[in-house]
Structure formats: structure tokens, C-alpha cells
């Protein structure tokens, strides 16, 4: 597992369930419209962040290795 990840929440896809911020409040927050976003563009890799991305009902969360840009989630086809 890489040491650091780039985490993004696609605002065009996010449907504002708040699940990400409720599940990992240190890593995700809701903006003024209630849309999820990562609190930082680059975060330490963790199982918690991966679990949140996997549990997003519409896969609005993307994770990539911060060094190589290789996708971590969703996995490449």
C-alpha cells in the first residue's frame, strides 16, 4: 500500500448522503451545500479511507497513489 494518497470527491457525482464525513470525520467534511469533500488533497493511506470510498453508494470518491498517480480506488478495469 502506498504511504500517501490523493483523495477526491467528484462534486458532479456526489448526492450528499454525508456518509463519508460521518464515517471518517478527520478525513472528510461537508461543504456549505452538504456535499462531501476530502479535508486535504493528500492524506496518509489508511484502511478507513479505503472503506469509506468503497461504501460510497455512488462511488463519488477516488483515491490515487500520490507518488505515481496510479488508481487505488476504484480499481482499474
PDB file of N, CA and C in Angstrom:
ATOM      1  N   UNK A   1       0.848  -1.173   0.000  1.00  0.00           N
ATOM      2  CA  UNK A   1       0.000   0.000   0.000  1.00  0.00           C
ATOM      3  C   UNK A   1       0.897   1.240   0.000  1.00  0.00           C
ATOM      4  N   UNK A   2       0.594   2.219  -0.848  1.00  0.00           N
ATOM      5  CA  UNK A   2       1.377   3.454  -0.861  1.00  0.00           C
ATOM      6  C   UNK A   2       1.284   4.169   0.488  1.00  0.00           C
ATOM      7  N   UNK A   3       2.222   5.071   0.743  1.00  0.00           N
ATOM      8  CA  UNK A   3       2.228   5.808   2.014  1.00  0.00           C
ATOM      9  C   UNK A   3       1.217   6.949   2.044  1.00  0.00           C
ATOM     10  N   UNK A   4       1.019   7.585   0.877  1.00  0.00           N
ATOM     11  CA  UNK A   4       0.115   8.733   0.819  1.00  0.00           C
ATOM     12  C   UNK A   4      -0.787   8.626  -0.396  1.00  0.00           C
ATOM     13  N   UNK A   5      -2.004   9.129  -0.226  1.00  0.00           N
ATOM     14  CA  UNK A   5      -2.999   9.079  -1.288  1.00  0.00           C
ATOM     15  C   UNK A   5      -3.511  10.475  -1.620  1.00  0.00           C
ATOM     16  N   UNK A   6      -3.893  10.653  -2.864  1.00  0.00           N
ATOM     17  CA  UNK A   6      -4.666  11.813  -3.282  1.00  0.00           C
ATOM     18  C   UNK A   6      -6.122  11.365  -3.273  1.00  0.00           C
ATOM     19  N   UNK A   7      -6.957  12.071  -2.535  1.00  0.00           N
ATOM     20  CA  UNK A   7      -8.367  11.707  -2.389  1.00  0.00           C
ATOM     21  C   UNK A   7      -9.225  12.840  -2.935  1.00  0.00           C
ATOM     22  N   UNK A   8     -10.161  12.482  -3.798  1.00  0.00           N
ATOM     23  CA  UNK A   8     -11.085  13.476  -4.343  1.00  0.00           C
ATOM     24  C   UNK A   8     -12.511  12.950  -4.282  1.00  0.00           C
ATOM     25  N   UNK A   9     -13.438  13.872  -4.120  1.00  0.00           N
ATOM     26  CA  UNK A   9     -14.855  13.558  -4.192  1.00  0.00           C
ATOM     27  C   UNK A   9     -15.392  14.334  -5.395  1.00  0.00           C
ATOM     28  N   UNK A  10     -15.935  13.627  -6.354  1.00  0.00           N
ATOM     29  CA  UNK A  10     -16.441  14.255  -7.570  1.00  0.00           C
ATOM     30  C   UNK A  10     -17.756  14.975  -7.249  1.00  0.00           C
ATOM     31  N   UNK A  11     -17.767  16.316  -7.308  1.00  0.00           N
ATOM     32  CA  UNK A  11     -18.979  17.050  -6.950  1.00  0.00           C
ATOM     33  C   UNK A  11     -20.123  16.845  -7.942  1.00  0.00           C
ATOM     34  N   UNK A  12     -19.817  16.392  -9.152  1.00  0.00           N
ATOM     35  CA  UNK A  12     -20.870  16.126 -10.135  1.00  0.00           C
ATOM     36  C   UNK A  12     -21.580  14.811  -9.861  1.00  0.00           C
ATOM     37  N   UNK A  13     -20.946  13.950  -9.064  1.00  0.00           N
ATOM     38  CA  UNK A  13     -21.494  12.627  -8.781  1.00  0.00           C
ATOM     39  C   UNK A  13     -22.062  12.533  -7.364  1.00  0.00           C
ATOM     40  N   UNK A  14     -21.447  13.234  -6.430  1.00  0.00           N
ATOM     41  CA  UNK A  14     -21.855  13.170  -5.022  1.00  0.00           C
ATOM     42  C   UNK A  14     -23.314  13.567  -4.864  1.00  0.00           C
ATOM     43  N   UNK A  15     -24.077  12.748  -4.129  1.00  0.00           N
ATOM     44  CA  UNK A  15     -25.502  13.023  -3.901  1.00  0.00           C
ATOM     45  C   UNK A  15     -25.777  13.469  -2.459  1.00  0.00           C
ATOM     46  N   UNK A  16     -24.742  13.817  -1.738  1.00  0.00           N
ATOM     47  CA  UNK A  16     -24.854  14.441  -0.409  1.00  0.00           C
ATOM     48  C   UNK A  16     -25.473  13.536   0.654  1.00  0.00           C
ATOM     49  N   UNK A  17     -25.053  12.288   0.692  1.00  0.00           N
ATOM     50  CA  UNK A  17     -25.537  11.421   1.765  1.00  0.00           C
ATOM     51  C   UNK A  17     -24.859  11.749   3.090  1.00  0.00           C
ATOM     52  N   UNK A  18     -23.647  12.310   3.042  1.00  0.00           N
ATOM     53  CA  UNK A  18     -22.910  12.628   4.259  1.00  0.00           C
ATOM     54  C   UNK A  18     -22.216  11.436   4.872  1.00  0.00           C
ATOM     55  N   UNK A  19     -22.306  10.287   4.226  1.00  0.00           N
ATOM     56  CA  UNK A  19     -21.717   9.065   4.762  1.00  0.00           C
ATOM     57  C   UNK A  19     -20.208   9.201   4.963  1.00  0.00           C
ATOM     58  N   UNK A  20     -19.532   9.838   4.039  1.00  0.00           N
ATOM     59  CA  UNK A  20     -18.073   9.966   4.143  1.00  0.00           C
ATOM     60  C   UNK A  20     -17.681  10.772   5.384  1.00  0.00           C
ATOM     61  N   UNK A  21     -18.317  11.917   5.577  1.00  0.00           N
ATOM     62  CA  UNK A  21     -17.990  12.769   6.727  1.00  0.00           C
ATOM     63  C   UNK A  21     -18.397  12.124   8.049  1.00  0.00           C
ATOM     64  N   UNK A  22     -19.490  11.387   8.046  1.00  0.00           N
ATOM     65  CA  UNK A  22     -19.924  10.706   9.267  1.00  0.00           C
ATOM     66  C   UNK A  22     -19.007   9.534   9.609  1.00  0.00           C
ATOM     67  N   UNK A  23     -18.504   8.851   8.592  1.00  0.00           N
ATOM     68  CA  UNK A  23     -17.669   7.663   8.805  1.00  0.00           C
ATOM     69  C   UNK A  23     -16.212   7.999   9.107  1.00  0.00           C
ATOM     70  N   UNK A  24     -15.715   9.082   8.533  1.00  0.00           N
ATOM     71  CA  UNK A  24     -14.306   9.456   8.722  1.00  0.00           C
ATOM     72  C   UNK A  24     -14.203  10.981   8.843  1.00  0.00           C
ATOM     73  N   UNK A  25     -14.676  11.541   9.968  1.00  0.00           N
ATOM     74  CA  UNK A  25     -14.724  12.996  10.113  1.00  0.00           C
ATOM     75  C   UNK A  25     -13.358  13.678  10.114  1.00  0.00           C
ATOM     76  N   UNK A  26     -12.296  12.935  10.371  1.00  0.00           N
ATOM     77  CA  UNK A  26     -10.957  13.525  10.310  1.00  0.00           C
ATOM     78  C   UNK A  26     -10.453  13.668   8.876  1.00  0.00           C
ATOM     79  N   UNK A  27     -11.076  12.947   7.954  1.00  0.00           N
ATOM     80  CA  UNK A  27     -10.606  12.920   6.573  1.00  0.00           C
ATOM     81  C   UNK A  27     -11.578  13.545   5.575  1.00  0.00           C
ATOM     82  N   UNK A  28     -12.867  13.614   5.932  1.00  0.00           N
ATOM     83  CA  UNK A  28     -13.887  14.162   5.042  1.00  0.00           C
ATOM     84  C   UNK A  28     -14.740  15.170   5.796  1.00  0.00           C
ATOM     85  N   UNK A  29     -15.258  16.149   5.052  1.00  0.00           N
ATOM     86  CA  UNK A  29     -16.167  17.130   5.617  1.00  0.00           C
ATOM     87  C   UNK A  29     -17.233  17.453   4.587  1.00  0.00           C
ATOM     88  N   UNK A  30     -18.259  18.142   5.022  1.00  0.00           N
ATOM     89  CA  UNK A  30     -19.320  18.574   4.115  1.00  0.00           C
ATOM     90  C   UNK A  30     -19.158  20.063   3.865  1.00  0.00           C
ATOM     91  N   UNK A  31     -19.341  20.466   2.616  1.00  0.00           N
ATOM     92  CA  UNK A  31     -19.257  21.894   2.299  1.00  0.00           C
ATOM     93  C   UNK A  31     -20.583  22.571   2.634  1.00  0.00           C
ATOM     94  N   UNK A  32     -20.714  23.844   2.298  1.00  0.00           N
ATOM     95  CA  UNK A  32     -21.917  24.613   2.634  1.00  0.00           C
ATOM     96  C   UNK A  32     -23.181  24.074   1.971  1.00  0.00           C
ATOM     97  N   UNK A  33     -23.034  23.273   0.915  1.00  0.00           N
ATOM     98  CA  UNK A  33     -24.189  22.667   0.247  1.00  0.00           C
ATOM     99  C   UNK A  33     -24.453  21.241   0.739  1.00  0.00           C
ATOM    100  N   UNK A  34     -23.642  20.786   1.685  1.00  0.00           N
ATOM    101  CA  UNK A  34     -23.806  19.434   2.201  1.00  0.00           C
ATOM    102  C   UNK A  34     -23.105  18.379   1.370  1.00  0.00           C
ATOM    103  N   UNK A  35     -22.247  18.829   0.469  1.00  0.00           N
ATOM    104  CA  UNK A  35     -21.528  17.909  -0.404  1.00  0.00           C
ATOM    105  C   UNK A  35     -20.209  17.487   0.252  1.00  0.00           C
ATOM    106  N   UNK A  36     -19.885  16.209   0.142  1.00  0.00           N
ATOM    107  CA  UNK A  36     -18.659  15.701   0.734  1.00  0.00           C
ATOM    108  C   UNK A  36     -17.422  16.180   0.006  1.00  0.00           C
ATOM    109  N   UNK A  37     -16.341  16.311   0.784  1.00  0.00           N
ATOM    110  CA  UNK A  37     -15.034  16.621   0.209  1.00  0.00           C
ATOM    111  C   UNK A  37     -13.960  16.172   1.190  1.00  0.00           C
ATOM    112  N   UNK A  38     -12.795  15.859   0.653  1.00  0.00           N
ATOM    113  CA  UNK A  38     -11.664  15.483   1.491  1.00  0.00           C
ATOM    114  C   UNK A  38     -11.142  16.736   2.188  1.00  0.00           C
ATOM    115  N   UNK A  39     -10.701  16.602   3.432  1.00  0.00           N
ATOM    116  CA  UNK A  39     -10.204  17.767   4.158  1.00  0.00           C
ATOM    117  C   UNK A  39      -8.834  18.207   3.644  1.00  0.00           C
ATOM    118  N   UNK A  40      -8.134  17.288   2.964  1.00  0.00           N
ATOM    119  CA  UNK A  40      -6.843  17.613   2.369  1.00  0.00           C
ATOM    120  C   UNK A  40      -6.711  16.839   1.065  1.00  0.00           C
ATOM    121  N   UNK A  41      -5.997  17.408   0.112  1.00  0.00           N
ATOM    122  CA  UNK A  41      -5.818  16.744  -1.183  1.00  0.00           C
ATOM    123  C   UNK A  41      -4.970  15.485  -1.051  1.00  0.00           C
ATOM    124  N   UNK A  42      -4.016  15.503  -0.146  1.00  0.00           N
ATOM    125  CA  UNK A  42      -3.140  14.352   0.075  1.00  0.00           C
ATOM    126  C   UNK A  42      -3.237  13.944   1.535  1.00  0.00           C
ATOM    127  N   UNK A  43      -3.474  12.651   1.749  1.00  0.00           N
ATOM    128  CA  UNK A  43      -3.654  12.129   3.108  1.00  0.00           C
ATOM    129  C   UNK A  43      -2.826  10.869   3.285  1.00  0.00           C
ATOM    130  N   UNK A  44      -2.506  10.521   4.532  1.00  0.00           N
ATOM    131  CA  UNK A  44      -1.844   9.233   4.768  1.00  0.00           C
ATOM    132  C   UNK A  44      -2.778   8.096   4.352  1.00  0.00           C
ATOM    133  N   UNK A  45      -2.236   7.102   3.700  1.00  0.00           N
ATOM    134  CA  UNK A  45      -3.026   5.932   3.295  1.00  0.00           C
ATOM    135  C   UNK A  45      -3.572   5.244   4.541  1.00  0.00           C
ATOM    136  N   UNK A  46      -4.848   4.841   4.461  1.00  0.00           N
ATOM    137  CA  UNK A  46      -5.432   4.142   5.605  1.00  0.00           C
ATOM    138  C   UNK A  46      -6.581   3.258   5.144  1.00  0.00           C
ATOM    139  N   UNK A  47      -6.799   2.208   5.896  1.00  0.00           N
ATOM    140  CA  UNK A  47      -7.923   1.313   5.630  1.00  0.00           C
ATOM    141  C   UNK A  47      -9.244   2.053   5.804  1.00  0.00           C
ATOM    142  N   UNK A  48      -9.301   2.989   6.742  1.00  0.00           N
ATOM    143  CA  UNK A  48     -10.535   3.734   6.991  1.00  0.00           C
ATOM    144  C   UNK A  48     -10.969   4.519   5.749  1.00  0.00           C
ATOM    145  N   UNK A  49     -10.028   5.209   5.112  1.00  0.00           N
ATOM    146  CA  UNK A  49     -10.359   5.982   3.913  1.00  0.00           C
ATOM    147  C   UNK A  49     -10.791   5.052   2.783  1.00  0.00           C
ATOM    148  N   UNK A  50     -10.092   3.938   2.628  1.00  0.00           N
ATOM    149  CA  UNK A  50     -10.464   2.981   1.594  1.00  0.00           C
ATOM    150  C   UNK A  50     -11.867   2.434   1.846  1.00  0.00           C
ATOM    151  N   UNK A  51     -12.189   2.115   3.093  1.00  0.00           N
ATOM    152  CA  UNK A  51     -13.524   1.610   3.425  1.00  0.00           C
ATOM    153  C   UNK A  51     -14.608   2.641   3.140  1.00  0.00           C
ATOM    154  N   UNK A  52     -14.324   3.909   3.425  1.00  0.00           N
ATOM    155  CA  UNK A  52     -15.294   4.969   3.140  1.00  0.00           C
ATOM    156  C   UNK A  52     -15.524   5.071   1.634  1.00  0.00           C
ATOM    157  N   UNK A  53     -14.449   5.049   0.858  1.00  0.00           N
ATOM    158  CA  UNK A  53     -14.585   5.119  -0.603  1.00  0.00           C
ATOM    159  C   UNK A  53     -15.385   3.928  -1.123  1.00  0.00           C
ATOM    160  N   UNK A  54     -15.108   2.751  -0.611  1.00  0.00           N
ATOM    161  CA  UNK A  54     -15.810   1.550  -1.050  1.00  0.00           C
ATOM    162  C   UNK A  54     -17.289   1.577  -0.654  1.00  0.00           C
ATOM    163  N   UNK A  55     -17.620   2.257   0.436  1.00  0.00           N
ATOM    164  CA  UNK A  55     -19.004   2.268   0.897  1.00  0.00           C
ATOM    165  C   UNK A  55     -19.818   3.436   0.335  1.00  0.00           C
ATOM    166  N   UNK A  56     -19.185   4.335  -0.398  1.00  0.00           N
ATOM    167  CA  UNK A  56     -19.927   5.430  -1.024  1.00  0.00           C
ATOM    168  C   UNK A  56     -20.940   4.811  -1.982  1.00  0.00           C
ATOM    169  N   UNK A  57     -22.224   5.121  -1.815  1.00  0.00           N
ATOM    170  CA  UNK A  57     -23.244   4.444  -2.612  1.00  0.00           C
ATOM    171  C   UNK A  57     -23.157   4.699  -4.115  1.00  0.00           C
ATOM    172  N   UNK A  58     -22.463   5.748  -4.528  1.00  0.00           N
ATOM    173  CA  UNK A  58     -22.374   6.027  -5.961  1.00  0.00           C
ATOM    174  C   UNK A  58     -20.933   6.163  -6.444  1.00  0.00           C
ATOM    175  N   UNK A  59     -19.985   5.720  -5.623  1.00  0.00           N
ATOM    176  CA  UNK A  59     -18.558   5.748  -5.972  1.00  0.00           C
ATOM    177  C   UNK A  59     -18.102   7.132  -6.422  1.00  0.00           C
ATOM    178  N   UNK A  60     -18.438   8.144  -5.630  1.00  0.00           N
ATOM    179  CA  UNK A  60     -18.015   9.515  -5.933  1.00  0.00           C
ATOM    180  C   UNK A  60     -16.594   9.788  -5.453  1.00  0.00           C
ATOM    181  N   UNK A  61     -16.031   8.890  -4.644  1.00  0.00           N
ATOM    182  CA  UNK A  61     -14.705   9.090  -4.065  1.00  0.00           C
ATOM    183  C   UNK A  61     -13.664   8.329  -4.873  1.00  0.00           C
ATOM    184  N   UNK A  62     -12.607   9.041  -5.253  1.00  0.00           N
ATOM    185  CA  UNK A  62     -11.488   8.431  -5.973  1.00  0.00           C
ATOM    186  C   UNK A  62     -10.229   8.556  -5.127  1.00  0.00           C
ATOM    187  N   UNK A  63      -9.416   7.521  -5.187  1.00  0.00           N
ATOM    188  CA  UNK A  63      -8.147   7.508  -4.457  1.00  0.00           C
ATOM    189  C   UNK A  63      -7.052   7.123  -5.436  1.00  0.00           C
ATOM    190  N   UNK A  64      -5.939   7.866  -5.378  1.00  0.00           N
ATOM    191  CA  UNK A  64      -4.791   7.556  -6.224  1.00  0.00           C
ATOM    192  C   UNK A  64      -3.515   7.648  -5.389  1.00  0.00           C
ATOM    193  N   UNK A  65      -2.529   6.854  -5.745  1.00  0.00           N
ATOM    194  CA  UNK A  65      -1.212   6.923  -5.123  1.00  0.00           C
ATOM    195  C   UNK A  65      -0.654   8.323  -5.379  1.00  0.00           C
ATOM    196  N   UNK A  66      -0.256   9.029  -4.338  1.00  0.00           N
ATOM    197  CA  UNK A  66       0.200  10.409  -4.522  1.00  0.00           C
ATOM    198  C   UNK A  66       1.546  10.498  -5.239  1.00  0.00           C
ATOM    199  N   UNK A  67       2.336   9.438  -5.196  1.00  0.00           N
ATOM    200  CA  UNK A  67       3.640   9.459  -5.877  1.00  0.00           C
ATOM    201  C   UNK A  67       3.518   9.140  -7.363  1.00  0.00           C
ATOM    202  N   UNK A  68       2.706   8.145  -7.692  1.00  0.00           N
ATOM    203  CA  UNK A  68       2.656   7.670  -9.074  1.00  0.00           C
ATOM    204  C   UNK A  68       1.382   8.066  -9.821  1.00  0.00           C
ATOM    205  N   UNK A  69       0.340   8.420  -9.078  1.00  0.00           N
ATOM    206  CA  UNK A  69      -0.938   8.708  -9.707  1.00  0.00           C
ATOM    207  C   UNK A  69      -1.736   7.464 -10.052  1.00  0.00           C
ATOM    208  N   UNK A  70      -1.192   6.293  -9.731  1.00  0.00           N
ATOM    209  CA  UNK A  70      -1.881   5.034 -10.025  1.00  0.00           C
ATOM    210  C   UNK A  70      -3.164   4.941  -9.200  1.00  0.00           C
ATOM    211  N   UNK A  71      -4.264   4.526  -9.826  1.00  0.00           N
ATOM    212  CA  UNK A  71      -5.521   4.427  -9.089  1.00  0.00           C
ATOM    213  C   UNK A  71      -5.475   3.353  -8.015  1.00  0.00           C
ATOM    214  N   UNK A  72      -6.030   3.695  -6.858  1.00  0.00           N
ATOM    215  CA  UNK A  72      -6.193   2.756  -5.760  1.00  0.00           C
ATOM    216  C   UNK A  72      -7.662   2.343  -5.689  1.00  0.00           C
ATOM    217  N   UNK A  73      -8.564   3.342  -5.823  1.00  0.00           N
ATOM    218  CA  UNK A  73      -9.997   3.090  -5.858  1.00  0.00           C
ATOM    219  C   UNK A  73     -10.653   4.177  -6.691  1.00  0.00           C
ATOM    220  N   UNK A  74     -11.602   3.856  -7.547  1.00  0.00           N
ATOM    221  CA  UNK A  74     -11.938   2.480  -7.894  1.00  0.00           C
ATOM    222  C   UNK A  74     -10.787   1.814  -8.636  1.00  0.00           C
ATOM    223  N   UNK A  75     -10.696   0.498  -8.508  1.00  0.00           N
ATOM    224  CA  UNK A  75      -9.612  -0.212  -9.164  1.00  0.00           C
ATOM    225  C   UNK A  75      -9.718  -0.086 -10.682  1.00  0.00           C
ATOM    226  N   UNK A  76      -8.581  -0.103 -11.349  1.00  0.00           N
ATOM    227  CA  UNK A  76      -8.626  -0.047 -12.828  1.00  0.00           C
ATOM    228  C   UNK A  76      -9.335  -1.273 -13.379  1.00  0.00           C
ATOM    229  N   UNK A  77      -9.978  -1.100 -14.497  1.00  0.00           N
ATOM    230  CA  UNK A  77     -10.707  -2.211 -15.135  1.00  0.00           C
ATOM    231  C   UNK A  77      -9.783  -3.296 -15.612  1.00  0.00           C
TER     232      UNK A  77
END
